[in-house]
Amino acid sequence: MQRIVGPGFNWLVGSLAALIGLPGALADGAWWARLGLLAVGVGLVSARSRSFAALMFSIGGVGYVIEAALFSGWISAVTATVALGGVTGEMVLGHWYLVDPRLPRSALRNLAVVGIAGLVAEAVFLVSFGVGISGGGVGFWVLLVTSVVLMAAVIAALRYPAYSGVMAATGLSYLAVLTTLGAVFVGRATVTGLGPFAP
């Protein structure tokens, strides 16, 4: 991945990671999230150094995951991270392929596969907590299946050798980000009985 992207990608990813981590870092006692946000900030400043920026972003991600695990448990934190990370990473990286469609597409395919694996793990995890096919569970399953289908369509689009294949894959990944966010939120809301959601 480091050989494919440049500083611009690091700035984009770092900015997105900072926006995602900021609300958690502002919570009371969220020291791991603050450490993660600090590491992401250092990575942003040093974005021209690919290896060092990647290290800082990795440390930031670990901080975020630890904070999430302290809040909701390790399995919950990991399944959501893999699902959202794979889908979002595919969407962001897809923009670089729009600029240079000659780049190897294996990284995009790998991220799509990671996203699908995370969604499947998310489904298994939430089913173990009682998410069924009634109440809020219906919304969860619709969003989750839609996300998996979109990621599968991304992989299929990347097999098309022309520039339009990358365009289609990136567009599909935008939709998948929205449906994956919805699946993760609705699934957890259903498990906890938040608001109108109930198992």
Protein backbone atom coordinates (compact mmCIF):
# COMPACT_ATOMS: atom_id res chain seq x y z
CA MET A 1 0.00 0.00 0.00
CA GLN A 2 2.80 2.44 0.87
CA ARG A 3 4.23 2.04 -2.63
CA ILE A 4 0.87 2.88 -4.20
CA VAL A 5 -0.15 6.06 -2.39
CA GLY A 6 1.56 9.34 -1.61
CA PRO A 7 1.29 12.16 0.95
CA GLY A 8 -2.11 13.28 -0.34
CA PHE A 9 -3.62 9.94 0.55
CA ASN A 10 -2.04 10.13 4.02
CA TRP A 11 -3.53 13.58 4.57
CA LEU A 12 -6.96 12.39 3.48
CA VAL A 13 -6.89 9.22 5.60
CA GLY A 14 -5.42 11.05 8.60
CA SER A 15 -8.05 13.79 8.42
CA LEU A 16 -10.82 11.20 8.24
CA ALA A 17 -9.33 9.28 11.18
CA ALA A 18 -9.07 12.50 13.19
CA LEU A 19 -12.73 13.35 12.52
CA ILE A 20 -13.81 9.85 13.52
CA GLY A 21 -11.76 9.87 16.71
CA LEU A 22 -12.53 13.41 17.89
CA PRO A 23 -15.95 12.72 19.51
CA GLY A 24 -14.54 9.77 21.44
CA ALA A 25 -11.50 11.75 22.54
CA LEU A 26 -13.77 14.45 24.00
CA ALA A 27 -15.54 11.96 26.28
CA ASP A 28 -14.69 11.88 29.98
CA GLY A 29 -11.71 9.68 30.78
CA ALA A 30 -11.19 8.58 27.16
CA TRP A 31 -7.40 8.50 27.44
CA TRP A 32 -6.86 5.79 24.84
CA ALA A 33 -8.91 7.72 22.30
CA ARG A 34 -6.90 10.86 23.08
CA LEU A 35 -3.65 8.97 22.62
CA GLY A 36 -4.99 7.65 19.31
CA LEU A 37 -5.99 11.14 18.17
CA LEU A 38 -2.56 12.49 19.13
CA ALA A 39 -0.85 9.74 17.11
CA VAL A 40 -3.09 10.48 14.12
CA GLY A 41 -2.17 14.17 14.42
CA VAL A 42 1.54 13.33 14.38
CA GLY A 43 0.92 11.17 11.32
CA LEU A 44 -0.81 14.06 9.57
CA VAL A 45 2.09 16.41 10.26
CA SER A 46 4.58 13.84 8.96
CA ALA A 47 2.43 12.67 6.01
CA ARG A 48 5.32 13.02 3.56
CA SER A 49 7.15 10.24 5.38
CA ARG A 50 5.04 7.28 4.27
CA SER A 51 6.42 4.71 6.68
CA PHE A 52 6.31 6.95 9.75
CA ALA A 53 2.83 8.25 8.93
CA ALA A 54 1.60 4.66 8.51
CA LEU A 55 3.09 3.77 11.90
CA MET A 56 1.39 6.74 13.58
CA PHE A 57 -1.96 5.97 11.96
CA SER A 58 -1.64 2.35 13.10
CA ILE A 59 -0.94 3.46 16.68
CA GLY A 60 -3.91 5.81 16.45
CA GLY A 61 -6.14 2.98 15.26
CA VAL A 62 -5.01 0.76 18.12
CA GLY A 63 -5.84 3.53 20.58
CA TYR A 64 -9.32 3.90 19.12
CA VAL A 65 -9.94 0.16 19.22
CA ILE A 66 -8.81 -0.11 22.86
CA GLU A 67 -11.14 2.74 23.81
CA ALA A 68 -14.03 1.09 21.97
CA ALA A 69 -13.23 -2.25 23.61
CA LEU A 70 -13.29 -0.69 27.07
CA PHE A 71 -16.72 0.68 26.25
CA SER A 72 -18.36 -2.30 24.54
CA GLY A 73 -15.99 -5.28 24.66
CA TRP A 74 -13.22 -6.56 22.41
CA ILE A 75 -15.28 -8.60 19.98
CA SER A 76 -17.70 -5.76 19.38
CA ALA A 77 -14.86 -3.30 18.81
CA VAL A 78 -12.98 -5.57 16.43
CA THR A 79 -15.94 -6.62 14.26
CA ALA A 80 -17.08 -3.02 13.77
CA THR A 81 -13.51 -1.87 13.08
CA VAL A 82 -12.90 -4.53 10.43
CA ALA A 83 -16.25 -3.94 8.71
CA LEU A 84 -16.08 -0.14 8.70
CA GLY A 85 -12.34 -0.03 8.07
CA GLY A 86 -12.44 -2.34 5.07
CA VAL A 87 -15.36 -0.59 3.40
CA THR A 88 -14.17 2.96 4.16
CA GLY A 89 -10.58 2.15 3.20
CA GLU A 90 -11.75 0.78 -0.15
CA MET A 91 -13.77 3.91 -0.81
CA VAL A 92 -10.93 6.32 0.05
CA LEU A 93 -8.27 4.37 -1.84
CA GLY A 94 -10.55 4.16 -4.87
CA HIS A 95 -10.04 7.89 -5.47
CA TRP A 96 -6.35 7.36 -6.13
CA TYR A 97 -7.22 4.75 -8.71
CA LEU A 98 -9.48 7.26 -10.43
CA VAL A 99 -6.43 9.51 -10.82
CA ASP A 100 -4.20 6.65 -12.01
CA PRO A 101 -6.25 3.62 -13.15
CA ARG A 102 -3.01 1.77 -14.04
CA LEU A 103 -2.35 1.09 -10.34
CA PRO A 104 -2.66 -2.58 -9.33
CA ARG A 105 -6.22 -3.31 -8.23
CA SER A 106 -5.30 -6.01 -5.74
CA ALA A 107 -5.28 -3.56 -2.81
CA LEU A 108 -8.85 -2.48 -3.60
CA ARG A 109 -10.01 -6.08 -3.90
CA ASN A 110 -8.31 -7.00 -0.64
CA LEU A 111 -10.02 -4.15 1.23
CA ALA A 112 -13.39 -5.18 -0.20
CA VAL A 113 -12.80 -8.75 1.01
CA VAL A 114 -11.83 -7.41 4.46
CA GLY A 115 -15.05 -5.41 4.55
CA ILE A 116 -17.14 -8.47 3.68
CA ALA A 117 -15.35 -10.55 6.32
CA GLY A 118 -15.99 -7.84 8.91
CA LEU A 119 -19.69 -7.69 8.00
CA VAL A 120 -20.03 -11.45 8.34
CA ALA A 121 -18.26 -11.33 11.72
CA GLU A 122 -20.54 -8.48 12.77
CA ALA A 123 -23.59 -10.57 11.87
CA VAL A 124 -22.34 -13.58 13.84
CA PHE A 125 -21.55 -11.38 16.84
CA LEU A 126 -24.93 -9.64 16.89
CA VAL A 127 -26.89 -12.86 16.32
CA SER A 128 -25.21 -14.23 19.44
CA PHE A 129 -26.72 -11.27 21.30
CA GLY A 130 -30.22 -11.93 20.06
CA VAL A 131 -30.62 -9.96 16.84
CA GLY A 132 -33.33 -11.79 14.92
CA ILE A 133 -35.61 -11.04 12.00
CA SER A 134 -38.18 -8.92 13.82
CA GLY A 135 -38.25 -5.38 15.15
CA GLY A 136 -34.99 -3.52 14.60
CA GLY A 137 -33.43 -6.76 13.39
CA VAL A 138 -35.18 -6.39 10.04
CA GLY A 139 -33.44 -3.09 9.37
CA PHE A 140 -30.11 -4.55 10.46
CA TRP A 141 -30.37 -7.52 8.08
CA VAL A 142 -31.47 -5.38 5.15
CA LEU A 143 -28.54 -3.00 5.65
CA LEU A 144 -26.03 -5.78 6.26
CA VAL A 145 -27.03 -7.86 3.22
CA THR A 146 -27.06 -4.72 1.07
CA SER A 147 -23.53 -3.88 2.27
CA VAL A 148 -22.24 -7.36 1.44
CA VAL A 149 -23.86 -7.26 -2.01
CA LEU A 150 -22.34 -3.82 -2.69
CA MET A 151 -18.86 -5.02 -1.68
CA ALA A 152 -19.26 -8.09 -3.86
CA ALA A 153 -20.26 -5.78 -6.71
CA VAL A 154 -17.10 -3.73 -6.05
CA ILE A 155 -14.99 -6.87 -6.53
CA ALA A 156 -16.90 -7.71 -9.72
CA ALA A 157 -16.48 -4.16 -11.07
CA LEU A 158 -12.73 -4.28 -10.48
CA ARG A 159 -12.49 -7.25 -12.84
CA TYR A 160 -13.52 -4.97 -15.70
CA PRO A 161 -10.21 -3.71 -17.12
CA ALA A 162 -11.37 -0.31 -18.34
CA TYR A 163 -11.38 2.95 -16.36
CA SER A 164 -15.14 2.66 -15.87
CA GLY A 165 -14.54 -0.43 -13.71
CA VAL A 166 -12.70 1.64 -11.11
CA MET A 167 -15.31 4.39 -11.34
CA ALA A 168 -18.10 1.89 -10.69
CA ALA A 169 -16.20 0.28 -7.80
CA THR A 170 -15.60 3.64 -6.11
CA GLY A 171 -19.22 4.70 -6.55
CA LEU A 172 -20.49 1.42 -5.13
CA SER A 173 -18.16 1.75 -2.16
CA TYR A 174 -19.72 5.15 -1.33
CA LEU A 175 -23.08 3.45 -0.99
CA ALA A 176 -21.51 0.60 0.98
CA VAL A 177 -20.04 3.05 3.52
CA LEU A 178 -23.53 4.40 4.22
CA THR A 179 -25.19 1.00 4.49
CA THR A 180 -22.37 -0.40 6.63
CA LEU A 181 -22.58 2.51 9.04
CA GLY A 182 -26.32 1.91 9.21
CA ALA A 183 -25.90 -1.82 9.79
CA VAL A 184 -23.42 -1.31 12.64
CA PHE A 185 -25.57 1.35 14.30
CA VAL A 186 -28.91 -0.41 13.89
CA GLY A 187 -27.47 -3.75 14.99
CA ARG A 188 -26.05 -2.33 18.19
CA ALA A 189 -29.14 -0.22 18.82
CA THR A 190 -31.25 -3.34 18.45
CA VAL A 191 -29.10 -5.31 20.91
CA THR A 192 -29.31 -2.56 23.53
CA GLY A 193 -32.96 -1.66 22.83
CA LEU A 194 -31.97 1.95 22.06
CA GLY A 195 -34.85 4.25 21.17
CA PRO A 196 -37.34 2.66 18.79
CA PHE A 197 -35.12 -0.37 18.22
CA ALA A 198 -35.75 -3.64 19.99
CA PRO A 199 -34.79 -7.29 19.36
